[in-house]
């Protein structure tokens, strides 16, 4: 699986977030499987805070395509979050049928 970012993560914080995703691709893979099986358009998860800041990772399926995208939000998405990273998930998507 590969994530093609719309722009290269430039700051140390953004690189750390991108690396977190690469280190936890199994989470992304399982969420895509759940989304596919249950015909969901979005799923998200928020790990423990990173240096006192929360980041929410949202996996979104295209409405008319089967393409998956990932959006990293700075915050808990309670109205104060801002998108900080956006990418398209490419090739190697698994759909684990155990969930």
N, C-alpha and C. Protein backbone atom coordinates (compact mmCIF):
# COMPACT_ATOMS: atom_id res chain seq x y z
N UNK A 1 0.85 -1.17 0.00
CA UNK A 1 0.00 0.00 0.00
C UNK A 1 0.90 1.23 0.00
N UNK A 2 0.47 2.23 -0.70
CA UNK A 2 1.23 3.47 -0.80
C UNK A 2 0.26 4.64 -0.62
N UNK A 3 0.73 5.71 -0.02
CA UNK A 3 -0.05 6.93 0.10
C UNK A 3 0.65 8.01 -0.70
N UNK A 4 -0.06 8.55 -1.68
CA UNK A 4 0.49 9.64 -2.49
C UNK A 4 -0.08 10.95 -1.94
N UNK A 5 0.78 11.71 -1.27
CA UNK A 5 0.36 12.96 -0.66
C UNK A 5 0.15 14.03 -1.72
N UNK A 6 -0.80 14.93 -1.51
CA UNK A 6 -1.03 16.01 -2.48
C UNK A 6 0.15 16.96 -2.50
N UNK A 7 0.86 17.07 -1.37
CA UNK A 7 2.11 17.83 -1.31
C UNK A 7 3.01 17.13 -0.31
N UNK A 8 4.28 17.21 -0.52
CA UNK A 8 5.25 16.55 0.35
C UNK A 8 5.16 17.12 1.77
N UNK A 9 5.05 16.25 2.79
CA UNK A 9 5.05 16.76 4.17
C UNK A 9 6.38 17.46 4.45
N UNK A 10 6.33 18.76 4.70
CA UNK A 10 7.56 19.56 4.79
C UNK A 10 8.05 19.78 6.22
N UNK A 11 7.16 19.98 7.15
CA UNK A 11 7.60 20.27 8.52
C UNK A 11 7.90 18.97 9.26
N UNK A 12 8.70 19.04 10.31
CA UNK A 12 8.96 17.83 11.11
C UNK A 12 7.68 17.18 11.64
N UNK A 13 6.72 18.01 12.05
CA UNK A 13 5.46 17.48 12.56
C UNK A 13 4.70 16.70 11.48
N UNK A 14 4.61 17.25 10.27
CA UNK A 14 3.90 16.58 9.18
C UNK A 14 4.63 15.30 8.76
N UNK A 15 5.96 15.33 8.75
CA UNK A 15 6.72 14.12 8.43
C UNK A 15 6.48 13.04 9.48
N UNK A 16 6.40 13.44 10.74
CA UNK A 16 6.13 12.49 11.82
C UNK A 16 4.74 11.88 11.64
N UNK A 17 3.75 12.68 11.27
CA UNK A 17 2.40 12.16 11.04
C UNK A 17 2.37 11.20 9.86
N UNK A 18 3.05 11.55 8.78
CA UNK A 18 3.11 10.67 7.61
C UNK A 18 3.82 9.37 7.96
N UNK A 19 4.89 9.45 8.73
CA UNK A 19 5.60 8.24 9.16
C UNK A 19 4.75 7.38 10.08
N UNK A 20 3.96 8.02 10.93
CA UNK A 20 3.05 7.28 11.81
C UNK A 20 2.11 6.41 10.97
N UNK A 21 1.56 7.01 9.92
CA UNK A 21 0.67 6.24 9.04
C UNK A 21 1.39 5.09 8.38
N UNK A 22 2.61 5.32 7.91
CA UNK A 22 3.36 4.25 7.25
C UNK A 22 3.69 3.13 8.24
N UNK A 23 3.90 3.48 9.50
CA UNK A 23 4.19 2.47 10.53
C UNK A 23 2.94 1.73 10.98
N UNK A 24 1.77 2.27 10.68
CA UNK A 24 0.50 1.69 11.12
C UNK A 24 -0.43 1.40 9.94
N UNK A 25 0.14 0.96 8.84
CA UNK A 25 -0.67 0.67 7.65
C UNK A 25 -1.68 -0.43 7.90
N UNK A 26 -1.41 -1.30 8.88
CA UNK A 26 -2.38 -2.36 9.16
C UNK A 26 -3.70 -1.77 9.66
N UNK A 27 -3.65 -0.66 10.40
CA UNK A 27 -4.88 0.00 10.85
C UNK A 27 -5.64 0.53 9.64
N UNK A 28 -4.93 1.20 8.75
CA UNK A 28 -5.55 1.76 7.55
C UNK A 28 -6.16 0.63 6.72
N UNK A 29 -5.41 -0.45 6.55
CA UNK A 29 -5.86 -1.59 5.76
C UNK A 29 -7.14 -2.19 6.34
N UNK A 30 -7.19 -2.39 7.64
CA UNK A 30 -8.37 -2.96 8.28
C UNK A 30 -9.57 -2.02 8.17
N UNK A 31 -9.32 -0.72 8.29
CA UNK A 31 -10.42 0.24 8.18
C UNK A 31 -10.98 0.27 6.77
N UNK A 32 -10.12 0.13 5.78
CA UNK A 32 -10.59 0.07 4.40
C UNK A 32 -11.44 -1.19 4.21
N UNK A 33 -11.02 -2.30 4.80
CA UNK A 33 -11.80 -3.53 4.73
C UNK A 33 -13.17 -3.36 5.35
N UNK A 34 -13.23 -2.73 6.51
CA UNK A 34 -14.51 -2.48 7.18
C UNK A 34 -15.39 -1.57 6.31
N UNK A 35 -14.78 -0.53 5.78
CA UNK A 35 -15.51 0.41 4.92
C UNK A 35 -16.09 -0.31 3.71
N UNK A 36 -15.29 -1.15 3.10
CA UNK A 36 -15.72 -1.87 1.90
C UNK A 36 -16.87 -2.82 2.20
N UNK A 37 -16.72 -3.59 3.27
CA UNK A 37 -17.75 -4.59 3.61
C UNK A 37 -19.07 -3.97 4.03
N UNK A 38 -19.02 -2.83 4.69
CA UNK A 38 -20.23 -2.23 5.23
C UNK A 38 -20.69 -1.01 4.42
N UNK A 39 -20.06 -0.80 3.28
CA UNK A 39 -20.42 0.29 2.37
C UNK A 39 -20.42 1.65 3.08
N UNK A 40 -19.36 1.90 3.86
CA UNK A 40 -19.22 3.17 4.56
C UNK A 40 -18.39 4.15 3.73
N UNK A 41 -18.72 5.41 3.82
CA UNK A 41 -17.96 6.42 3.07
C UNK A 41 -16.77 6.96 3.86
N UNK A 42 -16.87 7.03 5.19
CA UNK A 42 -15.75 7.53 5.99
C UNK A 42 -15.61 6.73 7.28
N UNK A 43 -14.38 6.64 7.73
CA UNK A 43 -14.02 6.07 9.03
C UNK A 43 -12.88 6.92 9.55
N UNK A 44 -12.79 7.06 10.87
CA UNK A 44 -11.68 7.84 11.40
C UNK A 44 -11.20 7.25 12.73
N UNK A 45 -9.95 7.59 13.07
CA UNK A 45 -9.41 7.21 14.37
C UNK A 45 -8.50 8.33 14.87
N UNK A 46 -8.44 8.45 16.19
CA UNK A 46 -7.62 9.46 16.83
C UNK A 46 -6.71 8.77 17.84
N UNK A 47 -5.42 8.68 17.54
CA UNK A 47 -4.50 8.07 18.51
C UNK A 47 -4.23 8.99 19.70
N UNK A 48 -3.43 8.51 20.62
CA UNK A 48 -3.02 9.32 21.76
C UNK A 48 -2.40 10.63 21.27
N UNK A 49 -2.45 11.68 22.06
CA UNK A 49 -1.93 12.98 21.62
C UNK A 49 -0.46 12.94 21.24
N UNK A 50 -0.13 13.73 20.24
CA UNK A 50 1.23 13.90 19.77
C UNK A 50 1.72 15.25 20.26
N UNK A 51 2.66 15.24 21.19
CA UNK A 51 3.19 16.49 21.75
C UNK A 51 2.08 17.45 22.16
N UNK A 52 1.10 16.98 22.90
CA UNK A 52 -0.02 17.73 23.42
C UNK A 52 -1.02 18.17 22.37
N UNK A 53 -0.93 17.64 21.16
CA UNK A 53 -1.88 17.96 20.10
C UNK A 53 -2.55 16.67 19.63
N UNK A 54 -3.83 16.75 19.36
CA UNK A 54 -4.56 15.61 18.82
C UNK A 54 -4.61 15.71 17.30
N UNK A 55 -4.51 14.55 16.66
CA UNK A 55 -4.66 14.46 15.21
C UNK A 55 -5.62 13.32 14.92
N UNK A 56 -6.58 13.58 14.06
CA UNK A 56 -7.55 12.57 13.66
C UNK A 56 -7.26 12.17 12.23
N UNK A 57 -7.19 10.86 12.00
CA UNK A 57 -6.92 10.30 10.69
C UNK A 57 -8.25 9.80 10.11
N UNK A 58 -8.66 10.38 9.00
CA UNK A 58 -9.93 10.03 8.38
C UNK A 58 -9.66 9.31 7.05
N UNK A 59 -10.29 8.18 6.89
CA UNK A 59 -10.20 7.43 5.64
C UNK A 59 -11.54 7.60 4.94
N UNK A 60 -11.48 8.07 3.71
CA UNK A 60 -12.69 8.44 2.98
C UNK A 60 -12.71 7.75 1.64
N UNK A 61 -13.84 7.12 1.33
CA UNK A 61 -14.00 6.49 0.02
C UNK A 61 -14.70 7.46 -0.90
N UNK A 62 -14.26 7.49 -2.15
CA UNK A 62 -14.91 8.34 -3.13
C UNK A 62 -16.37 7.93 -3.30
N UNK A 63 -17.26 8.90 -3.44
CA UNK A 63 -18.68 8.62 -3.53
C UNK A 63 -19.02 7.74 -4.73
N UNK A 64 -18.43 8.02 -5.88
CA UNK A 64 -18.75 7.27 -7.08
C UNK A 64 -17.63 6.35 -7.53
N UNK A 65 -16.48 6.49 -6.94
CA UNK A 65 -15.36 5.61 -7.29
C UNK A 65 -15.03 4.77 -6.07
N UNK A 66 -14.20 3.81 -6.24
CA UNK A 66 -13.76 2.99 -5.12
C UNK A 66 -12.40 3.47 -4.60
N UNK A 67 -12.00 4.68 -4.99
CA UNK A 67 -10.72 5.24 -4.55
C UNK A 67 -10.83 5.66 -3.10
N UNK A 68 -9.75 5.42 -2.35
CA UNK A 68 -9.70 5.81 -0.95
C UNK A 68 -8.70 6.94 -0.75
N UNK A 69 -9.06 7.86 0.13
CA UNK A 69 -8.23 9.01 0.45
C UNK A 69 -8.05 9.07 1.95
N UNK A 70 -6.99 9.71 2.37
CA UNK A 70 -6.77 9.90 3.81
C UNK A 70 -6.57 11.38 4.08
N UNK A 71 -7.24 11.84 5.11
CA UNK A 71 -7.13 13.23 5.53
C UNK A 71 -6.68 13.22 6.98
N UNK A 72 -5.66 13.98 7.29
CA UNK A 72 -5.19 14.10 8.67
C UNK A 72 -5.66 15.47 9.15
N UNK A 73 -6.46 15.45 10.21
CA UNK A 73 -7.01 16.66 10.79
C UNK A 73 -6.24 17.01 12.05
N UNK A 74 -5.90 18.26 12.21
CA UNK A 74 -5.28 18.73 13.45
C UNK A 74 -6.37 19.05 14.45
N UNK A 75 -6.61 18.16 15.38
CA UNK A 75 -7.67 18.34 16.37
C UNK A 75 -8.54 17.11 16.44
N UNK A 76 -9.60 17.20 17.22
CA UNK A 76 -10.49 16.07 17.43
C UNK A 76 -11.72 16.11 16.53
N UNK A 77 -11.76 17.02 15.60
CA UNK A 77 -12.89 17.20 14.69
C UNK A 77 -14.17 17.55 15.42
N UNK A 78 -14.05 18.35 16.43
CA UNK A 78 -15.24 18.82 17.15
C UNK A 78 -15.56 20.25 16.75
N UNK A 79 -15.20 20.60 15.56
CA UNK A 79 -15.46 21.94 15.07
C UNK A 79 -14.23 22.83 15.03
N UNK A 80 -13.16 22.38 15.68
CA UNK A 80 -11.95 23.21 15.70
C UNK A 80 -10.83 22.63 14.85
N UNK A 81 -11.04 21.49 14.23
CA UNK A 81 -9.98 20.82 13.49
C UNK A 81 -9.76 21.44 12.12
N UNK A 82 -8.50 21.38 11.69
CA UNK A 82 -8.11 21.87 10.36
C UNK A 82 -7.40 20.74 9.64
N UNK A 83 -7.63 20.57 8.33
CA UNK A 83 -6.89 19.53 7.62
C UNK A 83 -5.42 19.92 7.50
N UNK A 84 -4.52 18.97 7.79
CA UNK A 84 -3.09 19.27 7.72
C UNK A 84 -2.38 18.43 6.67
N UNK A 85 -2.92 17.26 6.32
CA UNK A 85 -2.35 16.41 5.28
C UNK A 85 -3.49 15.75 4.50
N UNK A 86 -3.25 15.56 3.22
CA UNK A 86 -4.25 14.91 2.38
C UNK A 86 -3.51 14.02 1.40
N UNK A 87 -3.98 12.80 1.24
CA UNK A 87 -3.34 11.90 0.30
C UNK A 87 -4.30 10.87 -0.27
N UNK A 88 -3.90 10.26 -1.35
CA UNK A 88 -4.67 9.19 -1.99
C UNK A 88 -3.98 7.87 -1.67
N UNK A 89 -4.77 6.89 -1.26
CA UNK A 89 -4.24 5.58 -0.96
C UNK A 89 -4.21 4.79 -2.26
N UNK A 90 -3.03 4.30 -2.60
CA UNK A 90 -2.85 3.61 -3.87
C UNK A 90 -2.42 2.17 -3.66
N UNK A 91 -2.69 1.35 -4.60
CA UNK A 91 -2.28 -0.05 -4.74
C UNK A 91 -2.10 -0.84 -3.46
N UNK A 92 -2.33 -2.10 -3.58
CA UNK A 92 -2.10 -3.00 -2.47
C UNK A 92 -3.16 -2.96 -1.39
N UNK A 93 -4.34 -2.41 -1.67
CA UNK A 93 -5.39 -2.33 -0.66
C UNK A 93 -5.92 -3.74 -0.42
N UNK A 94 -5.93 -4.12 0.84
CA UNK A 94 -6.46 -5.42 1.25
C UNK A 94 -7.86 -5.21 1.81
N UNK A 95 -8.67 -6.23 1.73
CA UNK A 95 -9.98 -6.17 2.35
C UNK A 95 -10.15 -7.40 3.21
N UNK A 96 -9.57 -7.37 4.38
CA UNK A 96 -9.61 -8.46 5.34
C UNK A 96 -11.06 -8.73 5.74
N UNK A 97 -11.51 -9.94 5.57
CA UNK A 97 -12.90 -10.28 5.80
C UNK A 97 -13.20 -10.72 7.23
N UNK A 98 -12.30 -10.50 8.18
CA UNK A 98 -12.50 -11.00 9.53
C UNK A 98 -13.24 -10.02 10.44
N UNK A 99 -13.49 -8.81 10.02
CA UNK A 99 -14.16 -7.84 10.90
C UNK A 99 -15.66 -7.89 10.71
